[in-house]
């Protein structure tokens, strides 16, 4: 009960923090105000801090007894979305909105830092509180490059996401792959321009592109096990001028490849390029293909999942509200931490139809059920204490 009492007293402050972050959203690597508020809060709590990765913050809490180190992470960035919620704390910055719940993540982890600092005598080891910039465009790598996993070395990591697809009062956690690898491609089909009336003298890149778009769908429908989720998605196609008589020299296609199974990201890339190459060759065209890694596969460590699941049952007081159903083709750069140490990533339900909180992530009307914020704080606290207590 001690932990719940600590968090109950802190709940109004956690909600106030979330609303403040929501009203003053900042895009990736522009989280200057957020960074300064996080630093001030942690310092006031007695936790030493340092800046990292441009606008990121790391706080380190040393327990009274030696032990391992766990990293707790929250993301801080907002999205280029025009908010349409009408909330009293609606975004004051036109065209920028916390439409993904990162404001809640930051507030929950600050609350957890305050509670854990008050429970220092119970901590066997160290806790790194990591406030990450630019999650929406994969900012974790820069924190890692600048040494967030070192001095002291991190032994395990945990993070969570407020999730609009499950009901408030539910926590979802499962072992294995939970969020997809996403690789973004830019593909230029190179043909031979000419006059639309003499198409036989040209190599039409638009026609070749249409063949490529159709052919690569075979990757997910004919080449990959149907139980291994894969998505091949084209999101942009650019070619030609306004003239209706000119066949262009080239066409550029953009999109993403997503895979939700071990070793899937390299597998799908190889298959995609093989089909592109041979389809272009069949139509006498050439191509140029580049990839950018959005996120790697996020796969939960089974042992870490057991810690989180036990903590979630204590948080909710109802084992039936702890589920293990969420697997999504969305990406998450917490995968960069999870690729280096045993890690777990949980989903905390925020959907509440009674309150009208029904809109998906990245929607202009996206909102969260604030009643779950103390639950998220408690999940951070109990997971950290449980992991560090294990010798």
Foldseek 3Di string as FASTA:
>chain_A
DVLVVLLVVCLVVLVVQLLQLFQEAAAFLGCQVVLVVLCVLLVVLVWDWDDFLNRKMKTKAFAPAAFAEEEEEAERHWAQQAADAPDPSHHPDGRTGRQFCSSLQSSLLSSLSNSVSVVRHLFHHMYMYIYFGRFQQQSVVRRVVRPVCVPPHHAEYEYEGAFLVDAFLFKAWDFWFFEKWKKKKKKKKFKAKDWQVPCVVIQAQVVLVVVLVVQLVCCQVPPDDVVKDKDDDWDDKDDDDPDPTMRTRMMMIIDMIITRHPPVVVVSVVSSVVSSCVSSVVSVIDMDMDMDTRAHTAGADPVLRVLLLVLLCVLSVDNVSYHHDHHDHHHTRVSVVCVPHHYIYMYGYFHDVVVPQNDGGPDSNHDGNSVCSSSSSSSVNSSSSSVRVPD
